[in-house]
Amino acid sequence: MLRNLYARWMFAWETALTTRDTNRIVRPVEWGFDWLEDFARPRGLMPDPAIVRNPAAVHANQDALLAINHAILRDREAFYGYARPTDFRLEERHPLLFPTNVRRETLRREAQLRAAAAAGRAKTAHFLRFTSPVRTPYPENDLVNARWYPAPSEKQRAARQAGKPRQAIIVMPQWNADAFSHNALCALFNRFGISALRLSKPYHDIRRPAELERSDYAVSSNLGRTIAACRQAVVDIRSCLDWLEQQGYEQFGILGTSLGSCYAFIAAAMDPRLQICAFNHASMSFGDVVWTGQSSRHIRAACESVMTQEQLNGIWACISPISFMDLFPAAPRKVLAVHATYDLTFLRRYSLEVIESFRTHGVDFESRVLPCGHYTTGETPYKFMDGWFLGSFVHRAFKQLATSGEHALSQKLPATAQPERDLIAR
């Protein structure tokens, strides 16, 4: 009885949080072949423009996108490969919020931050900037932005004196995150002697085109652009690793939340340098989440007029973690998967698929369960529980990596998982 009451309360709270923003826009479906042209045209996969423009040619355009998907998955390194950037630099500026909602309290906070920066009352921060190897029509999006949280110098000195390697983690927040999201985690990692790069995803915060209120171009009913945004995010992550190596860092991890976890998973599958992985809300199939999640209902509203959930899964197979699971266990790494029992955005059954897939593929992982939903993860007390899960795992995993080295990680340990328990029932 208590459990049922708690579930109804949690679902109601979760629904209220996912429906309070009024600026989600239902846009018509666009195939987006132009976003994939550099990969598709040399392989003879670009469809006739007349067919693309024909509203009745739904099946032909679906087949063309599926053919591009198959080609990407046959040559994943070509699609997610890149030329190392040559213009890495640190920029000092005042941090701003770049909100994605138009709620009064959020806009007031943004105005206060801008006023403090203009008056010189705010502290500045350092941001890694470089040109993304994946280009788009939006120059602001192509200038990568990552707030830099170097570990305190005394901790780095102590680590070097103890013969420990320099360690860094890349942090990828959720879809539509503002520029302050996950900054507290980066500060926490600094306390452990771990440096952090908080990476702005494509079309997010300072990278968001001026025409947008939300980060709509990262995930949308423009199917090709959504694929291209994932490609750019993965390449940007790998480029950040290049910069960290140039700074003398030797061991690397990544933490991704929600959409950030998808980008983080594919980057780790493609890049064995990422030995520590924390996935905070994850799913195997990109299309499943978009089709069933509350926060993407406006995208489903556009897509369901021309396709099914299964067809959308096929179209977005090349940006779905399940398509990279064969690569993921190839490198020794430690993994955390966090999911929420009452999640209405990444449904629980899809999160359990992640755990089962890790078991099947022999991934050395831990599982943690939050007694809340997707959006309520950011509310008290659940944000502190989530922070404990993530922070304690990252601390332990990096400590073990430093003391045991790659040899210990290379031992094929059986996957370990904490059975899901409804904590409210205790």
Protein backbone atom coordinates (compact mmCIF):
# COMPACT_ATOMS: atom_id res chain seq x y z
CA MET A 1 0.00 0.00 0.00
CA LEU A 2 2.74 2.45 1.00
CA ARG A 3 4.72 1.49 -2.10
CA ASN A 4 1.74 2.17 -4.39
CA LEU A 5 1.09 5.53 -2.77
CA TYR A 6 4.75 6.47 -3.15
CA ALA A 7 4.75 5.42 -6.81
CA ARG A 8 1.67 7.50 -7.60
CA TRP A 9 3.16 10.50 -5.81
CA MET A 10 6.47 10.11 -7.62
CA PHE A 11 4.85 9.72 -11.06
CA ALA A 12 2.74 12.83 -10.42
CA TRP A 13 5.79 14.83 -9.33
CA GLU A 14 7.80 13.59 -12.31
CA THR A 15 4.99 14.50 -14.71
CA ALA A 16 4.69 17.97 -13.21
CA LEU A 17 8.40 18.57 -13.72
CA THR A 18 8.41 17.33 -17.32
CA THR A 19 5.40 19.43 -18.31
CA ARG A 20 6.20 22.76 -16.66
CA ASP A 21 8.22 24.09 -19.60
CA THR A 22 6.00 25.55 -22.30
CA ASN A 23 8.60 26.16 -25.00
CA ARG A 24 8.85 22.65 -26.49
CA ILE A 25 8.02 22.94 -30.19
CA VAL A 26 6.56 20.26 -32.47
CA ARG A 27 8.47 20.60 -35.72
CA PRO A 28 7.75 18.65 -38.94
CA VAL A 29 9.83 15.59 -39.75
CA GLU A 30 12.89 16.31 -41.89
CA TRP A 31 15.06 13.52 -43.23
CA GLY A 32 18.24 15.57 -42.83
CA PHE A 33 20.34 13.87 -45.51
CA ASP A 34 22.31 17.10 -45.97
CA TRP A 35 23.73 16.66 -42.43
CA LEU A 36 25.26 13.34 -43.43
CA GLU A 37 26.36 14.22 -46.96
CA ASP A 38 30.11 14.17 -46.33
CA PHE A 39 29.86 10.51 -45.31
CA ALA A 40 27.02 9.39 -47.59
CA ARG A 41 27.89 10.97 -50.94
CA PRO A 42 31.32 9.33 -51.47
CA ARG A 43 29.59 6.00 -50.83
CA GLY A 44 26.85 6.68 -53.36
CA LEU A 45 24.16 6.79 -50.67
CA MET A 46 22.66 10.25 -51.19
CA PRO A 47 19.07 9.95 -52.49
CA ASP A 48 17.69 11.90 -55.42
CA PRO A 49 16.66 15.39 -54.18
CA ALA A 50 13.30 15.01 -55.91
CA ILE A 51 12.58 11.93 -53.79
CA VAL A 52 13.66 13.72 -50.60
CA ARG A 53 11.27 16.59 -51.38
CA ASN A 54 8.36 14.26 -52.22
CA PRO A 55 6.03 13.98 -49.18
CA ALA A 56 4.71 10.68 -50.52
CA ALA A 57 8.16 9.07 -50.71
CA VAL A 58 8.25 8.15 -47.02
CA HIS A 59 9.39 4.56 -47.50
CA ALA A 60 12.06 5.49 -50.04
CA ASN A 61 13.54 8.08 -47.68
CA GLN A 62 13.40 5.70 -44.75
CA ASP A 63 15.22 3.09 -46.79
CA ALA A 64 17.86 5.65 -47.78
CA LEU A 65 18.48 6.59 -44.14
CA LEU A 66 18.65 2.93 -43.17
CA ALA A 67 21.24 2.35 -45.88
CA ILE A 68 23.35 5.20 -44.48
CA ASN A 69 22.97 3.68 -41.01
CA HIS A 70 24.22 0.32 -42.24
CA ALA A 71 27.22 2.01 -43.86
CA ILE A 72 28.03 3.94 -40.66
CA LEU A 73 27.88 0.79 -38.57
CA ARG A 74 30.11 -1.05 -41.06
CA ASP A 75 32.72 1.69 -40.77
CA ARG A 76 32.22 3.29 -37.38
CA GLU A 77 35.77 4.59 -37.16
CA ALA A 78 35.36 6.52 -40.41
CA PHE A 79 32.15 8.17 -39.20
CA TYR A 80 33.34 8.90 -35.67
CA GLY A 81 36.96 9.46 -36.64
CA TYR A 82 38.48 12.96 -36.81
CA ALA A 83 41.52 15.10 -37.37
CA ARG A 84 43.01 16.29 -34.07
CA PRO A 85 42.27 20.00 -33.50
CA THR A 86 45.20 22.38 -33.68
CA ASP A 87 43.68 25.46 -32.01
CA PHE A 88 43.27 24.38 -28.38
CA ARG A 89 43.27 27.39 -26.04
CA LEU A 90 42.04 28.44 -22.62
CA GLU A 91 39.64 31.37 -22.43
CA GLU A 92 38.90 33.31 -19.25
CA ARG A 93 35.41 34.76 -18.89
CA HIS A 94 32.50 35.18 -16.50
CA PRO A 95 30.31 32.05 -16.34
CA LEU A 96 26.71 32.65 -17.47
CA LEU A 97 23.67 30.40 -17.15
CA PHE A 98 22.35 30.13 -20.74
CA PRO A 99 18.96 28.79 -19.56
CA THR A 100 16.73 26.63 -21.76
CA ASN A 101 13.43 27.42 -20.05
CA VAL A 102 11.53 30.67 -19.75
CA ARG A 103 10.40 30.31 -16.16
CA ARG A 104 10.47 33.59 -14.27
CA GLU A 105 12.91 32.47 -11.57
CA THR A 106 15.38 31.14 -14.15
CA LEU A 107 15.36 34.32 -16.22
CA ARG A 108 15.81 36.36 -13.04
CA ARG A 109 18.88 34.33 -12.10
CA GLU A 110 20.34 34.75 -15.58
CA ALA A 111 19.81 38.51 -15.41
CA GLN A 112 21.53 38.66 -12.01
CA LEU A 113 24.54 36.75 -13.32
CA ARG A 114 24.88 39.03 -16.33
CA ALA A 115 24.59 42.13 -14.16
CA ALA A 116 27.24 40.85 -11.75
CA ALA A 117 29.57 40.02 -14.65
CA ALA A 118 29.07 43.45 -16.23
CA ALA A 119 29.81 45.14 -12.90
CA GLY A 120 32.91 43.04 -12.29
CA ARG A 121 31.44 41.47 -9.15
CA ALA A 122 31.57 37.89 -10.44
CA LYS A 123 34.53 35.55 -10.52
CA THR A 124 35.90 34.45 -13.85
CA ALA A 125 36.54 30.85 -14.89
CA HIS A 126 38.66 29.12 -17.50
CA PHE A 127 37.14 27.38 -20.50
CA LEU A 128 38.81 25.14 -23.03
CA ARG A 129 37.91 26.30 -26.55
CA PHE A 130 38.73 24.76 -29.92
CA THR A 131 37.13 24.26 -33.31
CA SER A 132 35.19 21.03 -33.54
CA PRO A 133 36.48 18.68 -36.26
CA VAL A 134 32.81 18.16 -37.21
CA ARG A 135 31.42 21.30 -38.82
CA THR A 136 27.84 22.56 -38.99
CA PRO A 137 26.19 25.67 -40.45
CA TYR A 138 26.39 27.27 -36.99
CA PRO A 139 29.80 28.83 -36.13
CA GLU A 140 28.84 29.24 -32.47
CA ASN A 141 28.09 25.54 -32.22
CA ASP A 142 31.37 24.57 -33.85
CA LEU A 143 33.44 26.40 -31.22
CA VAL A 144 33.67 23.74 -28.52
CA ASN A 145 33.33 24.89 -24.93
CA ALA A 146 34.46 22.99 -21.82
CA ARG A 147 34.76 24.58 -18.40
CA TRP A 148 38.09 23.58 -16.89
CA TYR A 149 38.33 22.42 -13.30
CA PRO A 150 41.99 21.56 -12.67
CA ALA A 151 42.65 19.68 -9.45
CA PRO A 152 44.23 21.90 -6.76
CA SER A 153 47.98 22.15 -7.31
CA GLU A 154 48.80 20.79 -3.84
CA LYS A 155 46.82 17.63 -4.54
CA GLN A 156 48.54 17.22 -7.90
CA ARG A 157 51.94 17.68 -6.30
CA ALA A 158 51.13 15.14 -3.61
CA ALA A 159 49.98 12.67 -6.26
CA ARG A 160 53.17 13.12 -8.28
CA GLN A 161 55.32 12.70 -5.19
CA ALA A 162 53.48 9.46 -4.45
CA GLY A 163 54.16 8.27 -7.99
CA LYS A 164 50.48 8.42 -8.98
CA PRO A 165 49.45 9.26 -12.54
CA ARG A 166 47.60 12.47 -13.35
CA GLN A 167 43.90 11.78 -13.73
CA ALA A 168 41.05 13.66 -15.40
CA ILE A 169 37.37 13.12 -16.11
CA ILE A 170 35.08 14.58 -18.78
CA VAL A 171 31.58 15.45 -17.57
CA MET A 172 28.61 15.46 -19.97
CA PRO A 173 25.34 16.82 -18.51
CA GLN A 174 21.82 16.06 -19.66
CA TRP A 175 19.89 17.32 -22.69
CA ASN A 176 18.90 20.99 -22.32
CA ALA A 177 21.25 21.44 -19.36
CA ASP A 178 22.15 25.01 -18.54
CA ALA A 179 25.80 25.99 -18.20
CA PHE A 180 25.89 25.42 -14.42
CA SER A 181 24.53 21.87 -14.47
CA HIS A 182 27.00 19.29 -13.03
CA ASN A 183 29.51 21.96 -12.01
CA ALA A 184 29.21 20.81 -8.39
CA LEU A 185 30.30 17.31 -9.44
CA CYS A 186 33.41 18.76 -11.06
CA ALA A 187 34.28 20.59 -7.83
CA LEU A 188 33.74 17.32 -5.94
CA PHE A 189 36.14 15.46 -8.22
CA ASN A 190 38.74 18.17 -7.61
CA ARG A 191 38.61 17.27 -3.91
CA PHE A 192 39.75 13.78 -4.89
CA GLY A 193 42.69 15.18 -6.87
CA ILE A 194 40.92 14.51 -10.20
CA SER A 195 40.76 17.31 -12.77
CA ALA A 196 37.50 17.77 -14.69
CA LEU A 197 36.36 19.14 -18.02
CA ARG A 198 32.67 19.98 -18.02
CA LEU A 199 31.88 19.76 -21.75
CA SER A 200 29.04 21.69 -23.34
CA LYS A 201 27.27 19.35 -25.74
CA PRO A 202 26.52 20.46 -29.31
CA TYR A 203 23.82 23.16 -29.42
CA HIS A 204 24.00 23.66 -25.64
CA ASP A 205 24.60 26.80 -23.53
CA ILE A 206 27.15 29.07 -25.25
CA ARG A 207 27.07 26.80 -28.35
CA ARG A 208 23.32 27.23 -28.83
CA PRO A 209 22.30 29.18 -31.96
CA ALA A 210 20.59 32.47 -31.20
CA GLU A 211 17.38 31.33 -32.90
CA LEU A 212 16.75 28.70 -30.20
CA GLU A 213 15.42 28.91 -26.65
CA ARG A 214 16.12 25.23 -26.01
CA SER A 215 18.84 22.88 -27.28
CA ASP A 216 16.40 21.53 -29.86
CA TYR A 217 18.92 20.79 -32.59
CA ALA A 218 20.69 18.15 -30.48
CA VAL A 219 17.62 15.87 -30.58
CA SER A 220 14.78 16.65 -32.92
CA SER A 221 12.52 15.46 -35.69
CA ASN A 222 15.30 16.37 -38.14
CA LEU A 223 16.60 12.82 -38.21
CA GLY A 224 19.92 13.41 -39.93
CA ARG A 225 20.78 16.44 -37.78
CA THR A 226 20.22 14.37 -34.63
CA ILE A 227 22.71 11.80 -35.94
CA ALA A 228 25.18 14.54 -36.84
CA ALA A 229 24.88 16.09 -33.36
CA CYS A 230 25.81 12.77 -31.76
CA ARG A 231 28.74 12.42 -34.15
CA GLN A 232 29.98 15.88 -33.22
CA ALA A 233 29.59 15.20 -29.49
CA VAL A 234 31.60 11.97 -29.69
CA VAL A 235 34.36 13.63 -31.69
CA ASP A 236 34.45 16.58 -29.29
CA ILE A 237 34.91 14.18 -26.36
CA ARG A 238 37.79 12.43 -28.10
CA SER A 239 39.35 15.80 -28.93
CA CYS A 240 39.15 16.81 -25.25
CA LEU A 241 41.13 13.67 -24.43
CA ASP A 242 43.79 14.83 -26.88
CA TRP A 243 44.09 18.16 -25.07
CA LEU A 244 44.24 16.47 -21.67
CA GLU A 245 47.05 14.24 -22.93
CA GLN A 246 48.90 17.33 -24.11
CA GLN A 247 48.62 18.69 -20.55
CA GLY A 248 50.29 15.56 -19.19
CA TYR A 249 47.24 13.63 -17.98
CA GLU A 250 47.55 9.88 -18.18
CA GLN A 251 44.31 8.28 -16.95
CA PHE A 252 40.84 9.29 -18.07
CA GLY A 253 37.21 8.83 -17.21
CA ILE A 254 33.85 10.10 -18.36
CA LEU A 255 30.53 10.78 -16.67
CA GLY A 256 27.41 11.23 -18.76
CA THR A 257 23.84 11.94 -17.71
CA SER A 258 20.81 11.06 -19.87
CA LEU A 259 21.65 12.20 -23.42
CA GLY A 260 25.18 12.77 -22.13
CA SER A 261 25.36 9.09 -21.17
CA CYS A 262 24.60 8.07 -24.77
CA TYR A 263 27.36 10.31 -26.09
CA ALA A 264 29.72 9.11 -23.35
CA PHE A 265 29.04 5.43 -24.08
CA ILE A 266 29.73 5.72 -27.81
CA ALA A 267 32.87 7.78 -27.16
CA ALA A 268 34.14 5.14 -24.72
CA ALA A 269 33.35 2.33 -27.15
CA MET A 270 35.33 4.16 -29.84
CA ASP A 271 38.20 5.32 -27.59
CA PRO A 272 39.97 2.92 -25.20
CA ARG A 273 41.57 5.83 -23.33
CA LEU A 274 38.33 6.13 -21.34
CA GLN A 275 38.87 3.58 -18.57
CA ILE A 276 36.36 4.89 -16.01
CA CYS A 277 32.74 5.32 -17.14
CA ALA A 278 29.76 6.51 -15.10
CA PHE A 279 26.42 6.40 -16.92
CA ASN A 280 23.73 8.34 -15.06
CA HIS A 281 20.43 7.25 -16.67
CA ALA A 282 21.12 5.15 -19.75
CA SER A 283 19.32 3.18 -22.44
CA MET A 284 20.39 0.87 -25.24
CA SER A 285 18.32 2.39 -28.07
CA PHE A 286 18.09 6.10 -28.88
CA GLY A 287 14.74 5.73 -30.64
CA ASP A 288 13.11 3.92 -27.72
CA VAL A 289 13.81 6.82 -25.35
CA VAL A 290 12.60 9.47 -27.79
CA TRP A 291 9.45 7.51 -28.58
CA THR A 292 8.42 6.68 -25.02
CA GLY A 293 9.93 9.46 -22.91
CA GLN A 294 7.86 12.30 -21.48
CA SER A 295 10.49 14.94 -22.21
CA SER A 296 10.60 14.06 -25.94
CA ARG A 297 6.86 13.73 -26.52
CA HIS A 298 6.95 16.68 -28.94
CA ILE A 299 9.40 14.77 -31.16
CA ARG A 300 7.25 11.64 -31.13
CA ALA A 301 4.25 13.80 -32.04
CA ALA A 302 6.05 14.74 -35.25
CA CYS A 303 7.51 11.32 -36.05
CA GLU A 304 4.53 9.06 -35.42
CA SER A 305 2.70 10.43 -38.47
CA VAL A 306 5.29 8.85 -40.79
CA MET A 307 6.94 5.99 -38.88
CA THR A 308 6.71 3.51 -36.04
CA GLN A 309 8.90 3.16 -32.96
CA GLU A 310 10.69 0.23 -34.56
CA GLN A 311 11.40 2.24 -37.70
CA LEU A 312 12.75 5.14 -35.66
CA ASN A 313 15.04 2.73 -33.81
CA GLY A 314 16.41 1.58 -37.15
CA ILE A 315 16.96 5.12 -38.40
CA TRP A 316 18.86 6.02 -35.23
CA ALA A 317 20.71 2.72 -34.83
CA CYS A 318 24.03 4.42 -35.59
CA ILE A 319 23.68 6.61 -32.48
CA SER A 320 22.33 3.87 -30.19
CA PRO A 321 24.65 2.32 -27.58
CA ILE A 322 23.42 -1.18 -28.46
CA SER A 323 25.17 -0.82 -31.82
CA PHE A 324 28.52 -0.28 -30.04
CA MET A 325 28.24 -2.85 -27.30
CA ASP A 326 30.52 -5.23 -29.20
CA LEU A 327 33.33 -2.63 -29.02
CA PHE A 328 32.76 -1.49 -25.45
CA PRO A 329 34.23 -4.50 -23.56
CA ALA A 330 37.34 -4.58 -25.76
CA ALA A 331 39.18 -2.15 -23.46
CA PRO A 332 39.59 -2.78 -19.71
CA ARG A 333 37.39 -0.35 -17.80
CA LYS A 334 35.25 0.07 -14.72
CA VAL A 335 31.64 1.11 -15.18
CA LEU A 336 28.79 2.48 -13.10
CA ALA A 337 25.17 2.44 -14.29
CA VAL A 338 22.63 4.49 -12.33
CA HIS A 339 18.93 4.30 -13.08
CA ALA A 340 15.70 5.41 -11.44
CA THR A 341 12.76 3.18 -10.55
CA TYR A 342 10.11 5.75 -11.48
CA ASP A 343 11.75 7.23 -14.57
CA LEU A 344 9.24 8.43 -17.18
CA THR A 345 11.93 9.65 -19.60
CA PHE A 346 14.31 6.67 -19.65
CA LEU A 347 11.80 3.96 -18.83
CA ARG A 348 12.99 1.44 -16.26
CA ARG A 349 12.76 -1.50 -18.66
CA TYR A 350 15.23 0.16 -21.03
CA SER A 351 17.68 0.83 -18.19
CA LEU A 352 17.45 -2.82 -17.18
CA GLU A 353 18.39 -3.74 -20.76
CA VAL A 354 21.65 -1.85 -20.23
CA ILE A 355 22.43 -3.87 -17.11
CA GLU A 356 21.58 -7.16 -18.81
CA SER A 357 23.73 -6.26 -21.80
CA PHE A 358 26.67 -5.43 -19.51
CA ARG A 359 26.27 -8.83 -17.87
CA THR A 360 26.05 -10.63 -21.20
CA HIS A 361 29.19 -8.95 -22.52
CA GLY A 362 31.24 -9.46 -19.35
CA VAL A 363 31.57 -5.76 -18.49
CA ASP A 364 33.00 -5.01 -15.03
CA PHE A 365 30.18 -2.84 -13.75
CA GLU A 366 28.24 -1.69 -10.72
CA SER A 367 24.55 -0.83 -10.67
CA ARG A 368 22.86 1.70 -8.42
CA VAL A 369 19.15 2.49 -8.20
CA LEU A 370 17.48 5.77 -7.27
CA PRO A 371 13.96 5.66 -5.75
CA CYS A 372 12.78 8.55 -7.92
CA GLY A 373 12.37 9.52 -11.57
CA HIS A 374 14.44 11.24 -14.25
CA TYR A 375 13.73 14.88 -13.44
CA THR A 376 13.29 14.27 -9.71
CA THR A 377 16.92 13.08 -9.66
CA GLY A 378 17.75 16.77 -9.56
CA GLU A 379 15.54 17.40 -6.53
CA THR A 380 16.26 17.03 -2.81
CA PRO A 381 17.04 14.46 -1.41
CA TYR A 382 17.63 12.43 -4.56
CA LYS A 383 20.31 14.70 -6.00
CA PHE A 384 22.44 13.99 -2.94
CA MET A 385 21.93 10.24 -3.30
CA ASP A 386 22.89 10.45 -6.97
CA GLY A 387 25.91 12.58 -6.15
CA TRP A 388 27.03 10.02 -3.57
CA PHE A 389 26.68 7.14 -6.06
CA LEU A 390 28.61 9.00 -8.75
CA GLY A 391 31.22 10.62 -6.53
CA SER A 392 32.07 7.53 -4.48
CA PHE A 393 32.34 5.38 -7.62
CA VAL A 394 34.61 7.82 -9.45
CA HIS A 395 36.81 8.18 -6.37
CA ARG A 396 37.15 4.42 -5.86
CA ALA A 397 37.62 3.60 -9.52
CA PHE A 398 40.34 6.19 -10.09
CA LYS A 399 42.06 5.22 -6.85
CA GLN A 400 42.15 1.59 -7.92
CA LEU A 401 43.31 2.55 -11.40
CA ALA A 402 46.16 4.59 -9.91
CA THR A 403 47.30 1.90 -7.50
CA SER A 404 46.82 -1.23 -9.59
CA GLY A 405 47.34 0.14 -13.10
CA GLU A 406 46.09 -1.39 -16.28
CA HIS A 407 47.07 -4.90 -15.21
CA ALA A 408 44.34 -5.09 -12.60
CA LEU A 409 41.77 -3.62 -14.92
CA SER A 410 42.66 -6.12 -17.60
CA GLN A 411 41.61 -9.04 -15.40
CA LYS A 412 38.25 -10.23 -16.64
CA LEU A 413 36.22 -10.00 -13.48
CA PRO A 414 32.58 -11.13 -13.39
CA ALA A 415 30.12 -8.28 -13.70
CA THR A 416 28.73 -7.18 -10.35
CA ALA A 417 25.41 -5.50 -9.92
CA GLN A 418 23.41 -4.35 -6.97
CA PRO A 419 19.93 -5.88 -7.18
CA GLU A 420 17.25 -3.27 -7.67
CA ARG A 421 15.52 -2.46 -4.42
CA ASP A 422 12.70 -0.05 -3.78
CA LEU A 423 14.32 2.02 -1.04
CA ILE A 424 11.01 3.46 0.14
CA ALA A 425 9.91 -0.01 1.21
CA ARG A 426 12.67 -0.28 3.81
